[in-house]
Amino acid sequence: MYTQLQCATKIAFFYRLLCNKVCNLTSKYNIVLAINYLDVIQGLEMGLILGPAVLAWFAVFIYSLRLGYVLIYKNMSVLTTVSTFAISIVGMLAFMTYGYRQFVNNTSVWAFEIPSYFLFSKIAFIGVLSGFLLNYYINPENSSEFLSCLAFVLIFMFSAGVLASLGVHEAFLKEFDIKTTY
Protein backbone atom coordinates (compact mmCIF):
# COMPACT_ATOMS: atom_id res chain seq x y z
CA MET A 1 0.00 0.00 0.00
CA TYR A 2 1.17 3.52 -0.66
CA THR A 3 1.68 6.19 1.97
CA GLN A 4 -0.02 9.56 1.64
CA LEU A 5 3.26 11.19 0.58
CA GLN A 6 3.82 8.60 -2.15
CA CYS A 7 0.24 9.06 -3.39
CA ALA A 8 0.60 12.85 -3.39
CA THR A 9 3.85 12.53 -5.34
CA LYS A 10 2.26 10.20 -7.89
CA ILE A 11 -0.80 12.42 -8.27
CA ALA A 12 1.41 15.49 -8.71
CA PHE A 13 3.49 13.66 -11.33
CA PHE A 14 0.35 12.56 -13.16
CA TYR A 15 -1.02 16.11 -13.06
CA ARG A 16 2.24 17.51 -14.43
CA LEU A 17 2.26 14.81 -17.09
CA LEU A 18 -1.21 15.77 -18.28
CA CYS A 19 -0.78 19.55 -18.01
CA ASN A 20 2.72 19.90 -19.39
CA LYS A 21 2.47 21.15 -22.97
CA VAL A 22 6.08 20.22 -23.65
CA CYS A 23 5.44 16.55 -22.78
CA ASN A 24 4.85 14.31 -25.77
CA LEU A 25 1.67 12.42 -24.80
CA THR A 26 1.85 10.31 -27.91
CA SER A 27 4.85 8.56 -26.49
CA LYS A 28 3.90 5.04 -25.51
CA TYR A 29 5.92 5.24 -22.29
CA ASN A 30 4.13 8.38 -21.06
CA ILE A 31 0.69 6.93 -21.81
CA VAL A 32 1.52 3.73 -19.92
CA LEU A 33 2.78 5.78 -16.96
CA ALA A 34 -0.40 7.83 -16.96
CA ILE A 35 -2.61 4.73 -17.03
CA ASN A 36 -0.60 3.09 -14.21
CA TYR A 37 -0.98 6.16 -12.01
CA LEU A 38 -4.70 6.29 -12.73
CA ASP A 39 -4.95 2.66 -11.54
CA VAL A 40 -3.12 3.57 -8.33
CA ILE A 41 -5.47 6.49 -7.70
CA GLN A 42 -8.56 4.38 -8.41
CA GLY A 43 -7.33 1.59 -6.13
CA LEU A 44 -6.71 4.06 -3.31
CA GLU A 45 -10.17 5.55 -3.68
CA MET A 46 -11.77 2.11 -3.54
CA GLY A 47 -9.61 1.22 -0.55
CA LEU A 48 -10.90 4.28 1.25
CA ILE A 49 -14.47 3.15 0.58
CA LEU A 50 -14.15 -0.61 1.02
CA GLY A 51 -11.76 -0.53 3.98
CA PRO A 52 -14.16 1.00 6.52
CA ALA A 53 -16.98 -1.22 5.25
CA VAL A 54 -14.84 -4.33 5.80
CA LEU A 55 -13.97 -3.12 9.30
CA ALA A 56 -17.65 -2.50 10.08
CA TRP A 57 -18.59 -6.01 8.94
CA PHE A 58 -15.69 -7.42 10.96
CA ALA A 59 -16.99 -5.62 14.06
CA VAL A 60 -20.46 -7.07 13.44
CA PHE A 61 -18.89 -10.52 13.06
CA ILE A 62 -17.05 -10.16 16.39
CA TYR A 63 -20.34 -9.12 18.01
CA SER A 64 -22.03 -12.20 16.56
CA LEU A 65 -19.29 -14.39 18.02
CA ARG A 66 -19.99 -12.80 21.39
CA LEU A 67 -23.68 -13.63 20.97
CA GLY A 68 -22.73 -17.20 20.12
CA TYR A 69 -20.56 -17.39 23.23
CA VAL A 70 -23.50 -16.18 25.34
CA LEU A 71 -25.74 -18.79 23.72
CA ILE A 72 -23.34 -21.59 24.59
CA TYR A 73 -23.27 -20.62 28.26
CA LYS A 74 -27.01 -19.91 28.54
CA ASN A 75 -27.72 -23.48 29.66
CA MET A 76 -29.63 -24.37 26.53
CA SER A 77 -29.84 -27.94 25.41
CA VAL A 78 -27.05 -29.31 23.26
CA LEU A 79 -29.49 -30.01 20.44
CA THR A 80 -30.68 -26.38 20.40
CA THR A 81 -27.13 -25.03 20.44
CA VAL A 82 -25.83 -27.34 17.71
CA SER A 83 -28.86 -26.79 15.48
CA THR A 84 -28.55 -23.00 15.90
CA PHE A 85 -24.92 -23.05 14.78
CA ALA A 86 -25.69 -25.46 11.93
CA ILE A 87 -28.56 -23.29 10.69
CA SER A 88 -26.36 -20.19 10.79
CA ILE A 89 -23.59 -21.89 8.78
CA VAL A 90 -26.05 -23.24 6.21
CA GLY A 91 -27.61 -19.77 5.97
CA MET A 92 -24.17 -18.24 5.44
CA LEU A 93 -23.45 -20.67 2.60
CA ALA A 94 -26.87 -20.00 1.06
CA PHE A 95 -26.27 -16.23 1.17
CA MET A 96 -22.88 -16.65 -0.49
CA THR A 97 -24.30 -18.97 -3.13
CA TYR A 98 -27.13 -16.56 -3.89
CA GLY A 99 -24.66 -13.70 -4.25
CA TYR A 100 -22.23 -15.56 -6.47
CA ARG A 101 -25.05 -16.84 -8.70
CA GLN A 102 -25.50 -13.23 -9.83
CA PHE A 103 -22.06 -13.35 -11.50
CA VAL A 104 -21.88 -16.88 -12.95
CA ASN A 105 -22.82 -15.91 -16.50
CA ASN A 106 -20.55 -12.86 -16.70
CA THR A 107 -17.43 -13.01 -18.83
CA SER A 108 -15.80 -10.03 -17.10
CA VAL A 109 -16.46 -7.99 -13.99
CA TRP A 110 -15.05 -4.81 -12.58
CA ALA A 111 -12.29 -5.52 -10.06
CA PHE A 112 -14.32 -4.33 -7.08
CA GLU A 113 -17.77 -5.42 -8.27
CA ILE A 114 -18.06 -8.64 -6.28
CA PRO A 115 -16.65 -7.24 -3.01
CA SER A 116 -18.89 -4.17 -3.40
CA TYR A 117 -21.91 -6.38 -4.06
CA PHE A 118 -21.43 -8.25 -0.80
CA LEU A 119 -20.24 -5.34 1.35
CA PHE A 120 -23.16 -3.11 0.40
CA SER A 121 -25.83 -5.80 0.09
CA LYS A 122 -29.27 -4.58 1.13
CA ILE A 123 -30.28 -8.10 2.10
CA ALA A 124 -27.34 -8.45 4.48
CA PHE A 125 -27.87 -4.99 5.93
CA ILE A 126 -31.58 -5.58 6.58
CA GLY A 127 -30.87 -9.04 8.03
CA VAL A 128 -28.23 -7.75 10.43
CA LEU A 129 -30.34 -4.74 11.37
CA SER A 130 -33.29 -6.98 12.16
CA GLY A 131 -31.00 -9.22 14.23
CA PHE A 132 -29.71 -6.21 16.17
CA LEU A 133 -33.23 -4.90 16.77
CA LEU A 134 -34.42 -8.33 17.83
CA ASN A 135 -31.51 -8.68 20.24
CA TYR A 136 -32.06 -5.17 21.57
CA TYR A 137 -35.76 -5.68 22.27
CA ILE A 138 -35.45 -9.11 23.90
CA ASN A 139 -36.45 -8.77 27.55
CA PRO A 140 -33.52 -10.12 29.61
CA GLU A 141 -35.74 -11.35 32.47
CA ASN A 142 -37.79 -13.73 30.37
CA SER A 143 -35.86 -13.98 27.13
CA SER A 144 -36.94 -16.73 24.84
CA GLU A 145 -34.41 -19.25 23.56
CA PHE A 146 -35.92 -18.99 20.11
CA LEU A 147 -35.54 -15.20 19.87
CA SER A 148 -31.97 -15.29 21.18
CA CYS A 149 -31.06 -17.98 18.67
CA LEU A 150 -32.80 -16.13 15.84
CA ALA A 151 -30.91 -12.93 16.60
CA PHE A 152 -27.61 -14.85 16.59
CA VAL A 153 -28.44 -16.67 13.35
CA LEU A 154 -29.34 -13.46 11.51
CA ILE A 155 -26.28 -11.52 12.63
CA PHE A 156 -23.78 -14.37 12.23
CA MET A 157 -25.18 -15.61 8.92
CA PHE A 158 -24.84 -12.30 7.12
CA SER A 159 -21.66 -10.98 8.74
CA ALA A 160 -19.77 -14.23 8.25
CA GLY A 161 -21.20 -14.56 4.74
CA VAL A 162 -19.96 -11.11 3.75
CA LEU A 163 -16.48 -11.68 5.16
CA ALA A 164 -16.19 -15.20 3.73
CA SER A 165 -17.31 -14.01 0.30
CA LEU A 166 -14.56 -11.40 0.31
CA GLY A 167 -12.04 -14.14 0.95
CA VAL A 168 -13.12 -16.52 -1.80
CA HIS A 169 -14.10 -14.21 -4.65
CA GLU A 170 -10.72 -14.67 -6.39
CA ALA A 171 -11.23 -18.44 -6.40
CA PHE A 172 -14.72 -17.91 -7.80
CA LEU A 173 -13.34 -15.79 -10.63
CA LYS A 174 -10.75 -18.44 -11.49
CA GLU A 175 -13.26 -21.28 -11.28
CA PHE A 176 -15.67 -19.69 -13.77
CA ASP A 177 -12.94 -18.06 -15.88
CA ILE A 178 -14.22 -14.53 -15.30
CA LYS A 179 -11.82 -11.73 -16.16
CA THR A 180 -11.46 -8.60 -14.06
CA THR A 181 -11.41 -5.18 -15.65
CA TYR A 182 -10.15 -1.97 -14.10
C-alpha atoms as a PDB file:
ATOM      1  CA  MET A   1       0.000   0.000   0.000  1.00  0.00           C
ATOM      2  CA  TYR A   2       1.172   3.517  -0.662  1.00  0.00           C
ATOM      3  CA  THR A   3       1.680   6.189   1.967  1.00  0.00           C
ATOM      4  CA  GLN A   4      -0.015   9.558   1.638  1.00  0.00           C
ATOM      5  CA  LEU A   5       3.259  11.191   0.585  1.00  0.00           C
ATOM      6  CA  GLN A   6       3.815   8.601  -2.151  1.00  0.00           C
ATOM      7  CA  CYS A   7       0.236   9.065  -3.393  1.00  0.00           C
ATOM      8  CA  ALA A   8       0.596  12.850  -3.394  1.00  0.00           C
ATOM      9  CA  THR A   9       3.846  12.535  -5.344  1.00  0.00           C
ATOM     10  CA  LYS A  10       2.263  10.195  -7.892  1.00  0.00           C
ATOM     11  CA  ILE A  11      -0.797  12.415  -8.273  1.00  0.00           C
ATOM     12  CA  ALA A  12       1.411  15.493  -8.709  1.00  0.00           C
ATOM     13  CA  PHE A  13       3.488  13.665 -11.334  1.00  0.00           C
ATOM     14  CA  PHE A  14       0.351  12.560 -13.159  1.00  0.00           C
ATOM     15  CA  TYR A  15      -1.023  16.114 -13.063  1.00  0.00           C
ATOM     16  CA  ARG A  16       2.236  17.513 -14.433  1.00  0.00           C
ATOM     17  CA  LEU A  17       2.261  14.808 -17.086  1.00  0.00           C
ATOM     18  CA  LEU A  18      -1.207  15.774 -18.285  1.00  0.00           C
ATOM     19  CA  CYS A  19      -0.782  19.554 -18.005  1.00  0.00           C
ATOM     20  CA  ASN A  20       2.725  19.902 -19.393  1.00  0.00           C
ATOM     21  CA  LYS A  21       2.469  21.149 -22.975  1.00  0.00           C
ATOM     22  CA  VAL A  22       6.077  20.216 -23.653  1.00  0.00           C
ATOM     23  CA  CYS A  23       5.444  16.553 -22.779  1.00  0.00           C
ATOM     24  CA  ASN A  24       4.850  14.314 -25.772  1.00  0.00           C
ATOM     25  CA  LEU A  25       1.668  12.421 -24.797  1.00  0.00           C
ATOM     26  CA  THR A  26       1.848  10.310 -27.912  1.00  0.00           C
ATOM     27  CA  SER A  27       4.853   8.558 -26.489  1.00  0.00           C
ATOM     28  CA  LYS A  28       3.905   5.039 -25.511  1.00  0.00           C
ATOM     29  CA  TYR A  29       5.920   5.235 -22.289  1.00  0.00           C
ATOM     30  CA  ASN A  30       4.132   8.377 -21.063  1.00  0.00           C
ATOM     31  CA  ILE A  31       0.692   6.931 -21.805  1.00  0.00           C
ATOM     32  CA  VAL A  32       1.523   3.730 -19.919  1.00  0.00           C
ATOM     33  CA  LEU A  33       2.782   5.781 -16.962  1.00  0.00           C
ATOM     34  CA  ALA A  34      -0.397   7.830 -16.958  1.00  0.00           C
ATOM     35  CA  ILE A  35      -2.609   4.728 -17.029  1.00  0.00           C
ATOM     36  CA  ASN A  36      -0.603   3.091 -14.207  1.00  0.00           C
ATOM     37  CA  TYR A  37      -0.985   6.158 -12.013  1.00  0.00           C
ATOM     38  CA  LEU A  38      -4.696   6.293 -12.735  1.00  0.00           C
ATOM     39  CA  ASP A  39      -4.954   2.664 -11.544  1.00  0.00           C
ATOM     40  CA  VAL A  40      -3.121   3.569  -8.333  1.00  0.00           C
ATOM     41  CA  ILE A  41      -5.469   6.490  -7.695  1.00  0.00           C
ATOM     42  CA  GLN A  42      -8.560   4.377  -8.408  1.00  0.00           C
ATOM     43  CA  GLY A  43      -7.327   1.593  -6.127  1.00  0.00           C
ATOM     44  CA  LEU A  44      -6.708   4.058  -3.311  1.00  0.00           C
ATOM     45  CA  GLU A  45     -10.167   5.548  -3.681  1.00  0.00           C
ATOM     46  CA  MET A  46     -11.770   2.113  -3.536  1.00  0.00           C
ATOM     47  CA  GLY A  47      -9.612   1.216  -0.545  1.00  0.00           C
ATOM     48  CA  LEU A  48     -10.904   4.282   1.254  1.00  0.00           C
ATOM     49  CA  ILE A  49     -14.470   3.154   0.576  1.00  0.00           C
ATOM     50  CA  LEU A  50     -14.151  -0.611   1.016  1.00  0.00           C
ATOM     51  CA  GLY A  51     -11.758  -0.529   3.984  1.00  0.00           C
ATOM     52  CA  PRO A  52     -14.158   1.002   6.524  1.00  0.00           C
ATOM     53  CA  ALA A  53     -16.982  -1.217   5.249  1.00  0.00           C
ATOM     54  CA  VAL A  54     -14.840  -4.329   5.802  1.00  0.00           C
ATOM     55  CA  LEU A  55     -13.969  -3.118   9.302  1.00  0.00           C
ATOM     56  CA  ALA A  56     -17.646  -2.504  10.076  1.00  0.00           C
ATOM     57  CA  TRP A  57     -18.594  -6.010   8.935  1.00  0.00           C
ATOM     58  CA  PHE A  58     -15.695  -7.424  10.955  1.00  0.00           C
ATOM     59  CA  ALA A  59     -16.991  -5.620  14.062  1.00  0.00           C
ATOM     60  CA  VAL A  60     -20.459  -7.068  13.436  1.00  0.00           C
ATOM     61  CA  PHE A  61     -18.885 -10.520  13.059  1.00  0.00           C
ATOM     62  CA  ILE A  62     -17.051 -10.156  16.394  1.00  0.00           C
ATOM     63  CA  TYR A  63     -20.340  -9.116  18.011  1.00  0.00           C
ATOM     64  CA  SER A  64     -22.030 -12.202  16.558  1.00  0.00           C
ATOM     65  CA  LEU A  65     -19.291 -14.386  18.022  1.00  0.00           C
ATOM     66  CA  ARG A  66     -19.992 -12.799  21.389  1.00  0.00           C
ATOM     67  CA  LEU A  67     -23.684 -13.625  20.974  1.00  0.00           C
ATOM     68  CA  GLY A  68     -22.733 -17.199  20.121  1.00  0.00           C
ATOM     69  CA  TYR A  69     -20.562 -17.393  23.226  1.00  0.00           C
ATOM     70  CA  VAL A  70     -23.502 -16.185  25.343  1.00  0.00           C
ATOM     71  CA  LEU A  71     -25.742 -18.792  23.722  1.00  0.00           C
ATOM     72  CA  ILE A  72     -23.341 -21.590  24.594  1.00  0.00           C
ATOM     73  CA  TYR A  73     -23.271 -20.615  28.261  1.00  0.00           C
ATOM     74  CA  LYS A  74     -27.007 -19.909  28.544  1.00  0.00           C
ATOM     75  CA  ASN A  75     -27.715 -23.480  29.661  1.00  0.00           C
ATOM     76  CA  MET A  76     -29.630 -24.366  26.527  1.00  0.00           C
ATOM     77  CA  SER A  77     -29.844 -27.938  25.412  1.00  0.00           C
ATOM     78  CA  VAL A  78     -27.053 -29.307  23.262  1.00  0.00           C
ATOM     79  CA  LEU A  79     -29.493 -30.007  20.445  1.00  0.00           C
ATOM     80  CA  THR A  80     -30.676 -26.385  20.398  1.00  0.00           C
ATOM     81  CA  THR A  81     -27.126 -25.030  20.440  1.00  0.00           C
ATOM     82  CA  VAL A  82     -25.834 -27.337  17.712  1.00  0.00           C
ATOM     83  CA  SER A  83     -28.864 -26.794  15.482  1.00  0.00           C
ATOM     84  CA  THR A  84     -28.548 -23.000  15.897  1.00  0.00           C
ATOM     85  CA  PHE A  85     -24.916 -23.048  14.782  1.00  0.00           C
ATOM     86  CA  ALA A  86     -25.690 -25.461  11.932  1.00  0.00           C
ATOM     87  CA  ILE A  87     -28.558 -23.288  10.687  1.00  0.00           C
ATOM     88  CA  SER A  88     -26.361 -20.192  10.787  1.00  0.00           C
ATOM     89  CA  ILE A  89     -23.594 -21.887   8.777  1.00  0.00           C
ATOM     90  CA  VAL A  90     -26.055 -23.239   6.210  1.00  0.00           C
ATOM     91  CA  GLY A  91     -27.608 -19.768   5.970  1.00  0.00           C
ATOM     92  CA  MET A  92     -24.172 -18.238   5.443  1.00  0.00           C
ATOM     93  CA  LEU A  93     -23.446 -20.667   2.603  1.00  0.00           C
ATOM     94  CA  ALA A  94     -26.875 -19.995   1.062  1.00  0.00           C
ATOM     95  CA  PHE A  95     -26.273 -16.230   1.173  1.00  0.00           C
ATOM     96  CA  MET A  96     -22.884 -16.646  -0.486  1.00  0.00           C
ATOM     97  CA  THR A  97     -24.302 -18.975  -3.131  1.00  0.00           C
ATOM     98  CA  TYR A  98     -27.128 -16.564  -3.886  1.00  0.00           C
ATOM     99  CA  GLY A  99     -24.663 -13.698  -4.245  1.00  0.00           C
ATOM    100  CA  TYR A 100     -22.232 -15.562  -6.470  1.00  0.00           C
ATOM    101  CA  ARG A 101     -25.049 -16.841  -8.698  1.00  0.00           C
ATOM    102  CA  GLN A 102     -25.498 -13.231  -9.833  1.00  0.00           C
ATOM    103  CA  PHE A 103     -22.063 -13.347 -11.498  1.00  0.00           C
ATOM    104  CA  VAL A 104     -21.877 -16.880 -12.949  1.00  0.00           C
ATOM    105  CA  ASN A 105     -22.825 -15.905 -16.504  1.00  0.00           C
ATOM    106  CA  ASN A 106     -20.547 -12.862 -16.701  1.00  0.00           C
ATOM    107  CA  THR A 107     -17.428 -13.013 -18.825  1.00  0.00           C
ATOM    108  CA  SER A 108     -15.800 -10.031 -17.101  1.00  0.00           C
ATOM    109  CA  VAL A 109     -16.464  -7.994 -13.986  1.00  0.00           C
ATOM    110  CA  TRP A 110     -15.051  -4.810 -12.585  1.00  0.00           C
ATOM    111  CA  ALA A 111     -12.287  -5.521 -10.063  1.00  0.00           C
ATOM    112  CA  PHE A 112     -14.324  -4.328  -7.075  1.00  0.00           C
ATOM    113  CA  GLU A 113     -17.769  -5.420  -8.272  1.00  0.00           C
ATOM    114  CA  ILE A 114     -18.064  -8.640  -6.277  1.00  0.00           C
ATOM    115  CA  PRO A 115     -16.653  -7.237  -3.012  1.00  0.00           C
ATOM    116  CA  SER A 116     -18.894  -4.169  -3.398  1.00  0.00           C
ATOM    117  CA  TYR A 117     -21.909  -6.378  -4.056  1.00  0.00           C
ATOM    118  CA  PHE A 118     -21.426  -8.248  -0.799  1.00  0.00           C
ATOM    119  CA  LEU A 119     -20.241  -5.337   1.352  1.00  0.00           C
ATOM    120  CA  PHE A 120     -23.156  -3.109   0.397  1.00  0.00           C
ATOM    121  CA  SER A 121     -25.828  -5.799   0.086  1.00  0.00           C
ATOM    122  CA  LYS A 122     -29.271  -4.583   1.130  1.00  0.00           C
ATOM    123  CA  ILE A 123     -30.283  -8.099   2.103  1.00  0.00           C
ATOM    124  CA  ALA A 124     -27.340  -8.448   4.476  1.00  0.00           C
ATOM    125  CA  PHE A 125     -27.874  -4.988   5.926  1.00  0.00           C
ATOM    126  CA  ILE A 126     -31.581  -5.583   6.579  1.00  0.00           C
ATOM    127  CA  GLY A 127     -30.874  -9.036   8.030  1.00  0.00           C
ATOM    128  CA  VAL A 128     -28.225  -7.746  10.430  1.00  0.00           C
ATOM    129  CA  LEU A 129     -30.338  -4.737  11.369  1.00  0.00           C
ATOM    130  CA  SER A 130     -33.293  -6.978  12.163  1.00  0.00           C
ATOM    131  CA  GLY A 131     -31.000  -9.221  14.231  1.00  0.00           C
ATOM    132  CA  PHE A 132     -29.711  -6.210  16.171  1.00  0.00           C
ATOM    133  CA  LEU A 133     -33.229  -4.904  16.770  1.00  0.00           C
ATOM    134  CA  LEU A 134     -34.422  -8.329  17.828  1.00  0.00           C
ATOM    135  CA  ASN A 135     -31.507  -8.684  20.236  1.00  0.00           C
ATOM    136  CA  TYR A 136     -32.059  -5.171  21.572  1.00  0.00           C
ATOM    137  CA  TYR A 137     -35.763  -5.677  22.273  1.00  0.00           C
ATOM    138  CA  ILE A 138     -35.448  -9.106  23.899  1.00  0.00           C
ATOM    139  CA  ASN A 139     -36.453  -8.769  27.546  1.00  0.00           C
ATOM    140  CA  PRO A 140     -33.525 -10.117  29.613  1.00  0.00           C
ATOM    141  CA  GLU A 141     -35.743 -11.355  32.467  1.00  0.00           C
ATOM    142  CA  ASN A 142     -37.793 -13.726  30.368  1.00  0.00           C
ATOM    143  CA  SER A 143     -35.865 -13.983  27.126  1.00  0.00           C
ATOM    144  CA  SER A 144     -36.943 -16.726  24.839  1.00  0.00           C
ATOM    145  CA  GLU A 145     -34.413 -19.253  23.561  1.00  0.00           C
ATOM    146  CA  PHE A 146     -35.924 -18.988  20.107  1.00  0.00           C
ATOM    147  CA  LEU A 147     -35.542 -15.203  19.870  1.00  0.00           C
ATOM    148  CA  SER A 148     -31.969 -15.294  21.176  1.00  0.00           C
ATOM    149  CA  CYS A 149     -31.059 -17.984  18.666  1.00  0.00           C
ATOM    150  CA  LEU A 150     -32.804 -16.130  15.839  1.00  0.00           C
ATOM    151  CA  ALA A 151     -30.909 -12.927  16.596  1.00  0.00           C
ATOM    152  CA  PHE A 152     -27.610 -14.854  16.589  1.00  0.00           C
ATOM    153  CA  VAL A 153     -28.444 -16.667  13.349  1.00  0.00           C
ATOM    154  CA  LEU A 154     -29.342 -13.457  11.513  1.00  0.00           C
ATOM    155  CA  ILE A 155     -26.282 -11.519  12.634  1.00  0.00           C
ATOM    156  CA  PHE A 156     -23.777 -14.373  12.227  1.00  0.00           C
ATOM    157  CA  MET A 157     -25.179 -15.614   8.924  1.00  0.00           C
ATOM    158  CA  PHE A 158     -24.841 -12.300   7.117  1.00  0.00           C
ATOM    159  CA  SER A 159     -21.659 -10.976   8.736  1.00  0.00           C
ATOM    160  CA  ALA A 160     -19.766 -14.233   8.254  1.00  0.00           C
ATOM    161  CA  GLY A 161     -21.202 -14.558   4.739  1.00  0.00           C
ATOM    162  CA  VAL A 162     -19.964 -11.113   3.745  1.00  0.00           C
ATOM    163  CA  LEU A 163     -16.480 -11.684   5.161  1.00  0.00           C
ATOM    164  CA  ALA A 164     -16.188 -15.199   3.728  1.00  0.00           C
ATOM    165  CA  SER A 165     -17.311 -14.014   0.297  1.00  0.00           C
ATOM    166  CA  LEU A 166     -14.563 -11.400   0.312  1.00  0.00           C
ATOM    167  CA  GLY A 167     -12.041 -14.145   0.950  1.00  0.00           C
ATOM    168  CA  VAL A 168     -13.118 -16.516  -1.802  1.00  0.00           C
ATOM    169  CA  HIS A 169     -14.098 -14.211  -4.652  1.00  0.00           C
ATOM    170  CA  GLU A 170     -10.717 -14.665  -6.392  1.00  0.00           C
ATOM    171  CA  ALA A 171     -11.227 -18.444  -6.397  1.00  0.00           C
ATOM    172  CA  PHE A 172     -14.724 -17.911  -7.799  1.00  0.00           C
ATOM    173  CA  LEU A 173     -13.338 -15.788 -10.629  1.00  0.00           C
ATOM    174  CA  LYS A 174     -10.745 -18.441 -11.485  1.00  0.00           C
ATOM    175  CA  GLU A 175     -13.263 -21.277 -11.284  1.00  0.00           C
ATOM    176  CA  PHE A 176     -15.672 -19.690 -13.766  1.00  0.00           C
ATOM    177  CA  ASP A 177     -12.943 -18.058 -15.884  1.00  0.00           C
ATOM    178  CA  ILE A 178     -14.219 -14.528 -15.301  1.00  0.00           C
ATOM    179  CA  LYS A 179     -11.824 -11.727 -16.164  1.00  0.00           C
ATOM    180  CA  THR A 180     -11.455  -8.604 -14.059  1.00  0.00           C
ATOM    181  CA  THR A 181     -11.414  -5.181 -15.645  1.00  0.00           C
ATOM    182  CA  TYR A 182     -10.146  -1.971 -14.103  1.00  0.00           C
END
